[in-house]
Structures are given as C-alpha cells and as structure tokens.
C-alpha cells in the first residue's frame, strides 16, 4: 500500500507539472499569436501608406509630363511664329533641360 501511495503522489506531481507546463506553453503561444497579429497589422498599414505614396508620385509624374508637353508646344509655337530669341538651339537646350528634370523626377 505504501508503494501505491508513493506512485499516486508521483502521478499527481507529474500531472501538476504537466498542467503548469501546458499553461505556460499556452500562454506563450497566445503571446506569439498576438505579436504576429500586431506585426501583420503594422505591415499592412505600412503597405497601404506606401501604396498611397506611390499613387501620389504617379499623379505628380503625370502632372510634370503634362507640363513638359505644354512647355514644348509653347516653345514650338514661339519658334514657328518667328521669334528669333526662341531659335531652335534655345528650344533644344530647354527641351534637354526639361528632359533632364523629367528623368530626375523618375
């Protein structure tokens, strides 16, 4: 009987140890799941911000392209109307300058 009591005590001790270990691991798994969800939320937010920034840059690029096109047309009209101060070399230099600015923005 004494040995049976000893085995029962060992069994209870091991069951208690198993409960504590299981609770500890469950708690840690919960913490890791929450951390993963927070990290995912953080990256989703960053992704949305970057998408918004990219769209804003695309709109800016479109605007610059339209302005460049308008400026070229203006210069071409000035040359066609015979304004000597707007000779073809000046137009080419300005066009090269606009192209440089355009490439810099990209």
PDB file of N, CA and C in Angstrom:
ATOM      1  N   UNK A   1       0.814  -1.190   0.000  1.00  0.00           N
ATOM      2  CA  UNK A   1       0.000   0.000   0.000  1.00  0.00           C
ATOM      3  C   UNK A   1       0.865   1.264   0.000  1.00  0.00           C
ATOM      4  N   UNK A   2       1.954   1.224   0.710  1.00  0.00           N
ATOM      5  CA  UNK A   2       2.850   2.369   0.788  1.00  0.00           C
ATOM      6  C   UNK A   2       3.402   2.720  -0.597  1.00  0.00           C
ATOM      7  N   UNK A   3       3.731   1.697  -1.366  1.00  0.00           N
ATOM      8  CA  UNK A   3       4.251   1.929  -2.705  1.00  0.00           C
ATOM      9  C   UNK A   3       3.157   2.492  -3.612  1.00  0.00           C
ATOM     10  N   UNK A   4       1.929   2.058  -3.439  1.00  0.00           N
ATOM     11  CA  UNK A   4       0.804   2.579  -4.216  1.00  0.00           C
ATOM     12  C   UNK A   4       0.596   4.051  -3.912  1.00  0.00           C
ATOM     13  N   UNK A   5       0.684   4.457  -2.660  1.00  0.00           N
ATOM     14  CA  UNK A   5       0.554   5.874  -2.275  1.00  0.00           C
ATOM     15  C   UNK A   5       1.681   6.700  -2.895  1.00  0.00           C
ATOM     16  N   UNK A   6       2.879   6.152  -2.867  1.00  0.00           N
ATOM     17  CA  UNK A   6       4.027   6.854  -3.449  1.00  0.00           C
ATOM     18  C   UNK A   6       3.822   7.049  -4.953  1.00  0.00           C
ATOM     19  N   UNK A   7       3.355   6.022  -5.645  1.00  0.00           N
ATOM     20  CA  UNK A   7       3.093   6.127  -7.081  1.00  0.00           C
ATOM     21  C   UNK A   7       1.979   7.132  -7.373  1.00  0.00           C
ATOM     22  N   UNK A   8       0.953   7.144  -6.542  1.00  0.00           N
ATOM     23  CA  UNK A   8      -0.134   8.116  -6.715  1.00  0.00           C
ATOM     24  C   UNK A   8       0.362   9.543  -6.513  1.00  0.00           C
ATOM     25  N   UNK A   9       1.228   9.765  -5.546  1.00  0.00           N
ATOM     26  CA  UNK A   9       1.795  11.102  -5.304  1.00  0.00           C
ATOM     27  C   UNK A   9       2.658  11.539  -6.499  1.00  0.00           C
ATOM     28  N   UNK A  10       3.459  10.606  -7.011  1.00  0.00           N
ATOM     29  CA  UNK A  10       4.279  10.913  -8.193  1.00  0.00           C
ATOM     30  C   UNK A  10       3.380  11.257  -9.384  1.00  0.00           C
ATOM     31  N   UNK A  11       2.313  10.478  -9.513  1.00  0.00           N
ATOM     32  CA  UNK A  11       1.365  10.726 -10.594  1.00  0.00           C
ATOM     33  C   UNK A  11       0.758  12.112 -10.472  1.00  0.00           C
ATOM     34  N   UNK A  12       0.319  12.481  -9.264  1.00  0.00           N
ATOM     35  CA  UNK A  12      -0.265  13.817  -9.042  1.00  0.00           C
ATOM     36  C   UNK A  12       0.772  14.920  -9.302  1.00  0.00           C
ATOM     37  N   UNK A  13       1.994  14.686  -8.872  1.00  0.00           N
ATOM     38  CA  UNK A  13       3.053  15.672  -9.094  1.00  0.00           C
ATOM     39  C   UNK A  13       3.318  15.847 -10.591  1.00  0.00           C
ATOM     40  N   UNK A  14       3.369  14.740 -11.304  1.00  0.00           N
ATOM     41  CA  UNK A  14       3.590  14.812 -12.747  1.00  0.00           C
ATOM     42  C   UNK A  14       2.410  15.468 -13.461  1.00  0.00           C
ATOM     43  N   UNK A  15       1.181  15.183 -13.016  1.00  0.00           N
ATOM     44  CA  UNK A  15       0.006  15.825 -13.601  1.00  0.00           C
ATOM     45  C   UNK A  15       0.036  17.332 -13.350  1.00  0.00           C
ATOM     46  N   UNK A  16       0.432  17.725 -12.145  1.00  0.00           N
ATOM     47  CA  UNK A  16       0.540  19.153 -11.815  1.00  0.00           C
ATOM     48  C   UNK A  16       1.623  19.808 -12.677  1.00  0.00           C
ATOM     49  N   UNK A  17       2.748  19.131 -12.812  1.00  0.00           N
ATOM     50  CA  UNK A  17       3.835  19.653 -13.635  1.00  0.00           C
ATOM     51  C   UNK A  17       3.386  19.780 -15.090  1.00  0.00           C
ATOM     52  N   UNK A  18       2.642  18.788 -15.574  1.00  0.00           N
ATOM     53  CA  UNK A  18       2.111  18.823 -16.934  1.00  0.00           C
ATOM     54  C   UNK A  18       1.153  19.992 -17.105  1.00  0.00           C
ATOM     55  N   UNK A  19       0.270  20.229 -16.111  1.00  0.00           N
ATOM     56  CA  UNK A  19      -0.673  21.363 -16.179  1.00  0.00           C
ATOM     57  C   UNK A  19       0.078  22.692 -16.231  1.00  0.00           C
ATOM     58  N   UNK A  20       1.077  22.835 -15.385  1.00  0.00           N
ATOM     59  CA  UNK A  20       1.850  24.082 -15.338  1.00  0.00           C
ATOM     60  C   UNK A  20       2.581  24.295 -16.664  1.00  0.00           C
ATOM     61  N   UNK A  21       3.207  23.232 -17.155  1.00  0.00           N
ATOM     62  CA  UNK A  21       3.932  23.342 -18.428  1.00  0.00           C
ATOM     63  C   UNK A  21       2.969  23.668 -19.567  1.00  0.00           C
ATOM     64  N   UNK A  22       1.823  23.006 -19.597  1.00  0.00           N
ATOM     65  CA  UNK A  22       0.828  23.257 -20.632  1.00  0.00           C
ATOM     66  C   UNK A  22       0.307  24.688 -20.553  1.00  0.00           C
ATOM     67  N   UNK A  23       0.017  25.159 -19.352  1.00  0.00           N
ATOM     68  CA  UNK A  23      -0.455  26.543 -19.187  1.00  0.00           C
ATOM     69  C   UNK A  23       0.606  27.537 -19.632  1.00  0.00           C
ATOM     70  N   UNK A  24       1.860  27.263 -19.287  1.00  0.00           N
ATOM     71  CA  UNK A  24       2.956  28.153 -19.679  1.00  0.00           C
ATOM     72  C   UNK A  24       3.086  28.202 -21.199  1.00  0.00           C
ATOM     73  N   UNK A  25       3.031  27.027 -21.820  1.00  0.00           N
ATOM     74  CA  UNK A  25       3.146  26.990 -23.286  1.00  0.00           C
ATOM     75  C   UNK A  25       1.936  27.636 -23.962  1.00  0.00           C
ATOM     76  N   UNK A  26       0.748  27.390 -23.425  1.00  0.00           N
ATOM     77  CA  UNK A  26      -0.453  28.023 -23.986  1.00  0.00           C
ATOM     78  C   UNK A  26      -0.370  29.545 -23.889  1.00  0.00           C
ATOM     79  N   UNK A  27       0.124  30.019 -22.757  1.00  0.00           N
ATOM     80  CA  UNK A  27       0.277  31.463 -22.573  1.00  0.00           C
ATOM     81  C   UNK A  27       1.279  32.026 -23.579  1.00  0.00           C
ATOM     82  N   UNK A  28       2.388  31.322 -23.764  1.00  0.00           N
ATOM     83  CA  UNK A  28       3.413  31.781 -24.690  1.00  0.00           C
ATOM     84  C   UNK A  28       2.898  31.760 -26.133  1.00  0.00           C
ATOM     85  N   UNK A  29       2.161  30.720 -26.494  1.00  0.00           N
ATOM     86  CA  UNK A  29       1.574  30.640 -27.837  1.00  0.00           C
ATOM     87  C   UNK A  29       0.620  31.813 -28.055  1.00  0.00           C
ATOM     88  N   UNK A  30      -0.186  32.132 -27.052  1.00  0.00           N
ATOM     89  CA  UNK A  30      -1.095  33.271 -27.157  1.00  0.00           C
ATOM     90  C   UNK A  30      -0.352  34.579 -27.358  1.00  0.00           C
ATOM     91  N   UNK A  31       0.745  34.752 -26.606  1.00  0.00           N
ATOM     92  CA  UNK A  31       1.561  35.966 -26.758  1.00  0.00           C
ATOM     93  C   UNK A  31       2.147  36.061 -28.165  1.00  0.00           C
ATOM     94  N   UNK A  32       2.645  34.936 -28.660  1.00  0.00           N
ATOM     95  CA  UNK A  32       3.226  34.929 -30.003  1.00  0.00           C
ATOM     96  C   UNK A  32       2.173  35.181 -31.073  1.00  0.00           C
ATOM     97  N   UNK A  33       0.982  34.646 -30.892  1.00  0.00           N
ATOM     98  CA  UNK A  33      -0.098  34.900 -31.855  1.00  0.00           C
ATOM     99  C   UNK A  33      -0.456  36.381 -31.877  1.00  0.00           C
ATOM    100  N   UNK A  34      -0.569  36.992 -30.690  1.00  0.00           N
ATOM    101  CA  UNK A  34      -0.881  38.430 -30.634  1.00  0.00           C
ATOM    102  C   UNK A  34       0.231  39.260 -31.267  1.00  0.00           C
ATOM    103  N   UNK A  35       1.481  38.881 -30.984  1.00  0.00           N
ATOM    104  CA  UNK A  35       2.611  39.607 -31.574  1.00  0.00           C
ATOM    105  C   UNK A  35       2.589  39.477 -33.099  1.00  0.00           C
ATOM    106  N   UNK A  36       2.270  38.275 -33.578  1.00  0.00           N
ATOM    107  CA  UNK A  36       2.184  38.075 -35.031  1.00  0.00           C
ATOM    108  C   UNK A  36       1.076  38.914 -35.642  1.00  0.00           C
ATOM    109  N   UNK A  37      -0.059  38.986 -34.985  1.00  0.00           N
ATOM    110  CA  UNK A  37      -1.174  39.791 -35.488  1.00  0.00           C
ATOM    111  C   UNK A  37      -0.818  41.271 -35.489  1.00  0.00           C
ATOM    112  N   UNK A  38      -0.132  41.725 -34.436  1.00  0.00           N
ATOM    113  CA  UNK A  38       0.284  43.132 -34.382  1.00  0.00           C
ATOM    114  C   UNK A  38       1.274  43.439 -35.502  1.00  0.00           C
ATOM    115  N   UNK A  39       2.219  42.515 -35.717  1.00  0.00           N
ATOM    116  CA  UNK A  39       3.211  42.709 -36.774  1.00  0.00           C
ATOM    117  C   UNK A  39       2.533  42.739 -38.145  1.00  0.00           C
ATOM    118  N   UNK A  40       1.604  41.830 -38.353  1.00  0.00           N
ATOM    119  CA  UNK A  40       0.874  41.814 -39.621  1.00  0.00           C
ATOM    120  C   UNK A  40       0.119  43.129 -39.814  1.00  0.00           C
ATOM    121  N   UNK A  41      -0.550  43.597 -38.767  1.00  0.00           N
ATOM    122  CA  UNK A  41      -1.274  44.861 -38.854  1.00  0.00           C
ATOM    123  C   UNK A  41      -0.349  46.019 -39.173  1.00  0.00           C
ATOM    124  N   UNK A  42       0.831  46.006 -38.550  1.00  0.00           N
ATOM    125  CA  UNK A  42       1.816  47.061 -38.794  1.00  0.00           C
ATOM    126  C   UNK A  42       2.251  47.060 -40.260  1.00  0.00           C
ATOM    127  N   UNK A  43       2.549  45.863 -40.795  1.00  0.00           N
ATOM    128  CA  UNK A  43       2.991  45.782 -42.184  1.00  0.00           C
ATOM    129  C   UNK A  43       1.869  46.088 -43.167  1.00  0.00           C
ATOM    130  N   UNK A  44       0.656  45.736 -42.839  1.00  0.00           N
ATOM    131  CA  UNK A  44      -0.479  46.088 -43.699  1.00  0.00           C
ATOM    132  C   UNK A  44      -0.619  47.607 -43.751  1.00  0.00           C
ATOM    133  N   UNK A  45      -0.470  48.244 -42.595  1.00  0.00           N
ATOM    134  CA  UNK A  45      -0.554  49.712 -42.538  1.00  0.00           C
ATOM    135  C   UNK A  45       0.573  50.341 -43.364  1.00  0.00           C
ATOM    136  N   UNK A  46       1.792  49.826 -43.212  1.00  0.00           N
ATOM    137  CA  UNK A  46       2.915  50.348 -44.000  1.00  0.00           C
ATOM    138  C   UNK A  46       2.683  50.155 -45.493  1.00  0.00           C
ATOM    139  N   UNK A  47       2.163  49.002 -45.865  1.00  0.00           N
ATOM    140  CA  UNK A  47       1.887  48.725 -47.272  1.00  0.00           C
ATOM    141  C   UNK A  47       0.868  49.710 -47.830  1.00  0.00           C
ATOM    142  N   UNK A  48      -0.176  49.985 -47.070  1.00  0.00           N
ATOM    143  CA  UNK A  48      -1.190  50.952 -47.513  1.00  0.00           C
ATOM    144  C   UNK A  48      -0.586  52.351 -47.654  1.00  0.00           C
ATOM    145  N   UNK A  49       0.282  52.731 -46.696  1.00  0.00           N
ATOM    146  CA  UNK A  49       0.925  54.042 -46.776  1.00  0.00           C
ATOM    147  C   UNK A  49       1.802  54.137 -48.025  1.00  0.00           C
ATOM    148  N   UNK A  50       2.556  53.070 -48.299  1.00  0.00           N
ATOM    149  CA  UNK A  50       3.442  53.078 -49.468  1.00  0.00           C
ATOM    150  C   UNK A  50       2.643  53.093 -50.769  1.00  0.00           C
ATOM    151  N   UNK A  51       1.522  52.392 -50.788  1.00  0.00           N
ATOM    152  CA  UNK A  51       0.660  52.430 -51.974  1.00  0.00           C
ATOM    153  C   UNK A  51       0.150  53.848 -52.205  1.00  0.00           C
ATOM    154  N   UNK A  52      -0.229  54.504 -51.123  1.00  0.00           N
ATOM    155  CA  UNK A  52      -0.728  55.875 -51.224  1.00  0.00           C
ATOM    156  C   UNK A  52       0.380  56.810 -51.717  1.00  0.00           C
ATOM    157  N   UNK A  53       1.586  56.645 -51.175  1.00  0.00           N
ATOM    158  CA  UNK A  53       2.710  57.471 -51.610  1.00  0.00           C
ATOM    159  C   UNK A  53       3.016  57.232 -53.087  1.00  0.00           C
ATOM    160  N   UNK A  54       2.964  55.978 -53.494  1.00  0.00           N
ATOM    161  CA  UNK A  54       3.231  55.637 -54.892  1.00  0.00           C
ATOM    162  C   UNK A  54       2.195  56.274 -55.816  1.00  0.00           C
ATOM    163  N   UNK A  55       0.938  56.215 -55.421  1.00  0.00           N
ATOM    164  CA  UNK A  55      -0.117  56.832 -56.227  1.00  0.00           C
ATOM    165  C   UNK A  55       0.087  58.344 -56.308  1.00  0.00           C
ATOM    166  N   UNK A  56       0.480  58.953 -55.197  1.00  0.00           N
ATOM    167  CA  UNK A  56       0.746  60.388 -55.185  1.00  0.00           C
ATOM    168  C   UNK A  56       1.901  60.720 -56.133  1.00  0.00           C
ATOM    169  N   UNK A  57       2.950  59.918 -56.102  1.00  0.00           N
ATOM    170  CA  UNK A  57       4.080  60.154 -57.001  1.00  0.00           C
ATOM    171  C   UNK A  57       3.677  59.969 -58.463  1.00  0.00           C
ATOM    172  N   UNK A  58       2.815  59.001 -58.726  1.00  0.00           N
ATOM    173  CA  UNK A  58       2.327  58.816 -60.103  1.00  0.00           C
ATOM    174  C   UNK A  58       1.553  60.045 -60.574  1.00  0.00           C
ATOM    175  N   UNK A  59       0.728  60.584 -59.698  1.00  0.00           N
ATOM    176  CA  UNK A  59      -0.025  61.790 -60.053  1.00  0.00           C
ATOM    177  C   UNK A  59       0.911  62.969 -60.299  1.00  0.00           C
ATOM    178  N   UNK A  60       1.936  63.081 -59.463  1.00  0.00           N
ATOM    179  CA  UNK A  60       2.916  64.154 -59.665  1.00  0.00           C
ATOM    180  C   UNK A  60       3.640  63.978 -60.987  1.00  0.00           C
ATOM    181  N   UNK A  61       4.000  62.745 -61.302  1.00  0.00           N
ATOM    182  CA  UNK A  61       4.689  62.463 -62.559  1.00  0.00           C
ATOM    183  C   UNK A  61       3.793  62.802 -63.750  1.00  0.00           C
ATOM    184  N   UNK A  62       2.540  62.439 -63.667  1.00  0.00           N
ATOM    185  CA  UNK A  62       1.598  62.785 -64.740  1.00  0.00           C
ATOM    186  C   UNK A  62       1.523  64.295 -64.924  1.00  0.00           C
ATOM    187  N   UNK A  63       1.479  65.004 -63.825  1.00  0.00           N
ATOM    188  CA  UNK A  63       1.411  66.464 -63.879  1.00  0.00           C
ATOM    189  C   UNK A  63       2.664  67.048 -64.529  1.00  0.00           C
ATOM    190  N   UNK A  64       3.819  66.523 -64.158  1.00  0.00           N
ATOM    191  CA  UNK A  64       5.078  67.013 -64.732  1.00  0.00           C
ATOM    192  C   UNK A  64       5.128  66.698 -66.225  1.00  0.00           C
ATOM    193  N   UNK A  65       4.674  65.500 -66.602  1.00  0.00           N
ATOM    194  CA  UNK A  65       4.662  65.147 -68.026  1.00  0.00           C
ATOM    195  C   UNK A  65       3.755  66.091 -68.814  1.00  0.00           C
ATOM    196  N   UNK A  66       2.601  66.413 -68.271  1.00  0.00           N
ATOM    197  CA  UNK A  66       1.684  67.342 -68.949  1.00  0.00           C
ATOM    198  C   UNK A  66       2.307  68.723 -69.069  1.00  0.00           C
ATOM    199  N   UNK A  67       2.971  69.166 -68.006  1.00  0.00           N
ATOM    200  CA  UNK A  67       3.618  70.477 -68.037  1.00  0.00           C
ATOM    201  C   UNK A  67       4.742  70.487 -69.062  1.00  0.00           C
ATOM    202  N   UNK A  68       5.506  69.415 -69.108  1.00  0.00           N
ATOM    203  CA  UNK A  68       6.590  69.318 -70.083  1.00  0.00           C
ATOM    204  C   UNK A  68       6.038  69.385 -71.502  1.00  0.00           C
ATOM    205  N   UNK A  69       4.982  68.643 -71.760  1.00  0.00           N
ATOM    206  CA  UNK A  69       4.366  68.642 -73.081  1.00  0.00           C
ATOM    207  C   UNK A  69       3.869  70.042 -73.435  1.00  0.00           C
ATOM    208  N   UNK A  70       3.238  70.694 -72.470  1.00  0.00           N
ATOM    209  CA  UNK A  70       2.726  72.045 -72.696  1.00  0.00           C
ATOM    210  C   UNK A  70       3.862  73.017 -72.989  1.00  0.00           C
ATOM    211  N   UNK A  71       4.938  72.902 -72.243  1.00  0.00           N
ATOM    212  CA  UNK A  71       6.091  73.794 -72.456  1.00  0.00           C
ATOM    213  C   UNK A  71       6.715  73.571 -73.834  1.00  0.00           C
ATOM    214  N   UNK A  72       6.833  72.317 -74.244  1.00  0.00           N
ATOM    215  CA  UNK A  72       7.380  72.037 -75.566  1.00  0.00           C
ATOM    216  C   UNK A  72       6.498  72.640 -76.655  1.00  0.00           C
ATOM    217  N   UNK A  73       5.191  72.467 -76.517  1.00  0.00           N
ATOM    218  CA  UNK A  73       4.273  73.025 -77.505  1.00  0.00           C
ATOM    219  C   UNK A  73       4.386  74.547 -77.539  1.00  0.00           C
ATOM    220  N   UNK A  74       4.509  75.149 -76.387  1.00  0.00           N
ATOM    221  CA  UNK A  74       4.652  76.604 -76.317  1.00  0.00           C
ATOM    222  C   UNK A  74       5.911  77.046 -77.053  1.00  0.00           C
ATOM    223  N   UNK A  75       7.010  76.348 -76.783  1.00  0.00           N
ATOM    224  CA  UNK A  75       8.269  76.719 -77.417  1.00  0.00           C
ATOM    225  C   UNK A  75       8.205  76.513 -78.932  1.00  0.00           C
ATOM    226  N   UNK A  76       7.588  75.433 -79.350  1.00  0.00           N
ATOM    227  CA  UNK A  76       7.471  75.177 -80.784  1.00  0.00           C
ATOM    228  C   UNK A  76       6.640  76.260 -81.465  1.00  0.00           C
ATOM    229  N   UNK A  77       5.571  76.696 -80.828  1.00  0.00           N
ATOM    230  CA  UNK A  77       4.734  77.758 -81.390  1.00  0.00           C
ATOM    231  C   UNK A  77       5.527  79.052 -81.481  1.00  0.00           C
ATOM    232  N   UNK A  78       6.313  79.347 -80.435  1.00  0.00           N
ATOM    233  CA  UNK A  78       7.110  80.584 -80.453  1.00  0.00           C
ATOM    234  C   UNK A  78       8.109  80.566 -81.615  1.00  0.00           C
ATOM    235  N   UNK A  79       8.745  79.405 -81.829  1.00  0.00           N
ATOM    236  CA  UNK A  79       9.712  79.308 -82.930  1.00  0.00           C
ATOM    237  C   UNK A  79       8.992  79.446 -84.265  1.00  0.00           C
ATOM    238  N   UNK A  80       7.837  78.822 -84.397  1.00  0.00           N
ATOM    239  CA  UNK A  80       7.099  78.882 -85.658  1.00  0.00           C
ATOM    240  C   UNK A  80       6.633  80.296 -85.966  1.00  0.00           C
ATOM    241  N   UNK A  81       6.366  81.075 -84.921  1.00  0.00           N
ATOM    242  CA  UNK A  81       5.896  82.441 -85.155  1.00  0.00           C
ATOM    243  C   UNK A  81       7.046  83.383 -85.480  1.00  0.00           C
ATOM    244  N   UNK A  82       8.250  82.845 -85.519  1.00  0.00           N
ATOM    245  CA  UNK A  82       9.380  83.652 -85.976  1.00  0.00           C
ATOM    246  C   UNK A  82       9.998  84.531 -84.914  1.00  0.00           C
ATOM    247  N   UNK A  83       9.934  84.153 -83.688  1.00  0.00           N
ATOM    248  CA  UNK A  83      10.599  84.928 -82.636  1.00  0.00           C
ATOM    249  C   UNK A  83      12.058  84.502 -82.577  1.00  0.00           C
ATOM    250  N   UNK A  84      12.961  85.372 -82.981  1.00  0.00           N
ATOM    251  CA  UNK A  84      14.379  84.997 -83.067  1.00  0.00           C
ATOM    252  C   UNK A  84      14.974  84.611 -81.697  1.00  0.00           C
ATOM    253  N   UNK A  85      14.455  85.229 -80.672  1.00  0.00           N
ATOM    254  CA  UNK A  85      15.008  84.904 -79.341  1.00  0.00           C
ATOM    255  C   UNK A  85      14.648  83.477 -78.927  1.00  0.00           C
ATOM    256  N   UNK A  86      13.738  82.858 -79.680  1.00  0.00           N
ATOM    257  CA  UNK A  86      13.335  81.476 -79.394  1.00  0.00           C
ATOM    258  C   UNK A  86      13.821  80.562 -80.523  1.00  0.00           C
ATOM    259  N   UNK A  87      15.039  80.753 -80.930  1.00  0.00           N
ATOM    260  CA  UNK A  87      15.604  79.937 -82.005  1.00  0.00           C
ATOM    261  C   UNK A  87      15.639  78.465 -81.643  1.00  0.00           C
ATOM    262  N   UNK A  88      15.894  77.654 -82.675  1.00  0.00           N
ATOM    263  CA  UNK A  88      15.834  76.202 -82.472  1.00  0.00           C
ATOM    264  C   UNK A  88      16.865  75.726 -81.460  1.00  0.00           C
ATOM    265  N   UNK A  89      18.041  76.379 -81.387  1.00  0.00           N
ATOM    266  CA  UNK A  89      19.051  75.935 -80.416  1.00  0.00           C
ATOM    267  C   UNK A  89      18.556  76.182 -78.993  1.00  0.00           C
ATOM    268  N   UNK A  90      17.872  77.315 -78.791  1.00  0.00           N
ATOM    269  CA  UNK A  90      17.308  77.575 -77.452  1.00  0.00           C
ATOM    270  C   UNK A  90      16.234  76.544 -77.104  1.00  0.00           C
ATOM    271  N   UNK A  91      15.413  76.228 -78.075  1.00  0.00           N
ATOM    272  CA  UNK A  91      14.352  75.244 -77.850  1.00  0.00           C
ATOM    273  C   UNK A  91      14.970  73.894 -77.505  1.00  0.00           C
ATOM    274  N   UNK A  92      16.019  73.529 -78.255  1.00  0.00           N
ATOM    275  CA  UNK A  92      16.675  72.247 -77.984  1.00  0.00           C
ATOM    276  C   UNK A  92      17.304  72.236 -76.594  1.00  0.00           C
ATOM    277  N   UNK A  93      17.921  73.342 -76.202  1.00  0.00           N
ATOM    278  CA  UNK A  93      18.523  73.414 -74.870  1.00  0.00           C
ATOM    279  C   UNK A  93      17.455  73.316 -73.784  1.00  0.00           C
ATOM    280  N   UNK A  94      16.358  74.036 -73.967  1.00  0.00           N
ATOM    281  CA  UNK A  94      15.285  73.978 -72.976  1.00  0.00           C
ATOM    282  C   UNK A  94      14.648  72.594 -72.938  1.00  0.00           C
ATOM    283  N   UNK A  95      14.493  72.004 -74.109  1.00  0.00           N
ATOM    284  CA  UNK A  95      13.928  70.665 -74.183  1.00  0.00           C
ATOM    285  C   UNK A  95      14.835  69.675 -73.451  1.00  0.00           C
ATOM    286  N   UNK A  96      16.131  69.791 -73.651  1.00  0.00           N
ATOM    287  CA  UNK A  96      17.085  68.918 -72.956  1.00  0.00           C
ATOM    288  C   UNK A  96      17.000  69.142 -71.450  1.00  0.00           C
ATOM    289  N   UNK A  97      16.847  70.388 -71.049  1.00  0.00           N
ATOM    290  CA  UNK A  97      16.705  70.717 -69.629  1.00  0.00           C
ATOM    291  C   UNK A  97      15.447  70.087 -69.048  1.00  0.00           C
ATOM    292  N   UNK A  98      14.336  70.207 -69.781  1.00  0.00           N
ATOM    293  CA  UNK A  98      13.081  69.600 -69.329  1.00  0.00           C
ATOM    294  C   UNK A  98      13.212  68.083 -69.231  1.00  0.00           C
ATOM    295  N   UNK A  99      13.886  67.494 -70.234  1.00  0.00           N
ATOM    296  CA  UNK A  99      14.082  66.054 -70.210  1.00  0.00           C
ATOM    297  C   UNK A  99      14.912  65.630 -69.005  1.00  0.00           C
ATOM    298  N   UNK A 100      15.934  66.417 -68.730  1.00  0.00           N
ATOM    299  CA  UNK A 100      16.775  66.125 -67.561  1.00  0.00           C
ATOM    300  C   UNK A 100      15.938  66.183 -66.285  1.00  0.00           C
ATOM    301  N   UNK A 101      15.123  67.206 -66.152  1.00  0.00           N
ATOM    302  CA  UNK A 101      14.257  67.338 -64.976  1.00  0.00           C
ATOM    303  C   UNK A 101      13.276  66.177 -64.900  1.00  0.00           C
ATOM    304  N   UNK A 102      12.750  65.797 -66.025  1.00  0.00           N
ATOM    305  CA  UNK A 102      11.803  64.695 -66.081  1.00  0.00           C
ATOM    306  C   UNK A 102      12.461  63.397 -65.610  1.00  0.00           C
ATOM    307  N   UNK A 103      13.661  63.133 -66.118  1.00  0.00           N
ATOM    308  CA  UNK A 103      14.376  61.911 -65.719  1.00  0.00           C
ATOM    309  C   UNK A 103      14.739  61.944 -64.242  1.00  0.00           C
ATOM    310  N   UNK A 104      15.088  63.112 -63.750  1.00  0.00           N
ATOM    311  CA  UNK A 104      15.430  63.254 -62.331  1.00  0.00           C
ATOM    312  C   UNK A 104      14.230  62.913 -61.455  1.00  0.00           C
ATOM    313  N   UNK A 105      13.035  63.295 -61.888  1.00  0.00           N
ATOM    314  CA  UNK A 105      11.825  63.024 -61.112  1.00  0.00           C
ATOM    315  C   UNK A 105      11.475  61.548 -61.109  1.00  0.00           C
ATOM    316  N   UNK A 106      11.904  60.838 -62.112  1.00  0.00           N
ATOM    317  CA  UNK A 106      11.590  59.403 -62.177  1.00  0.00           C
ATOM    318  C   UNK A 106      12.474  58.705 -61.196  1.00  0.00           C
TER     319      UNK A 106
END
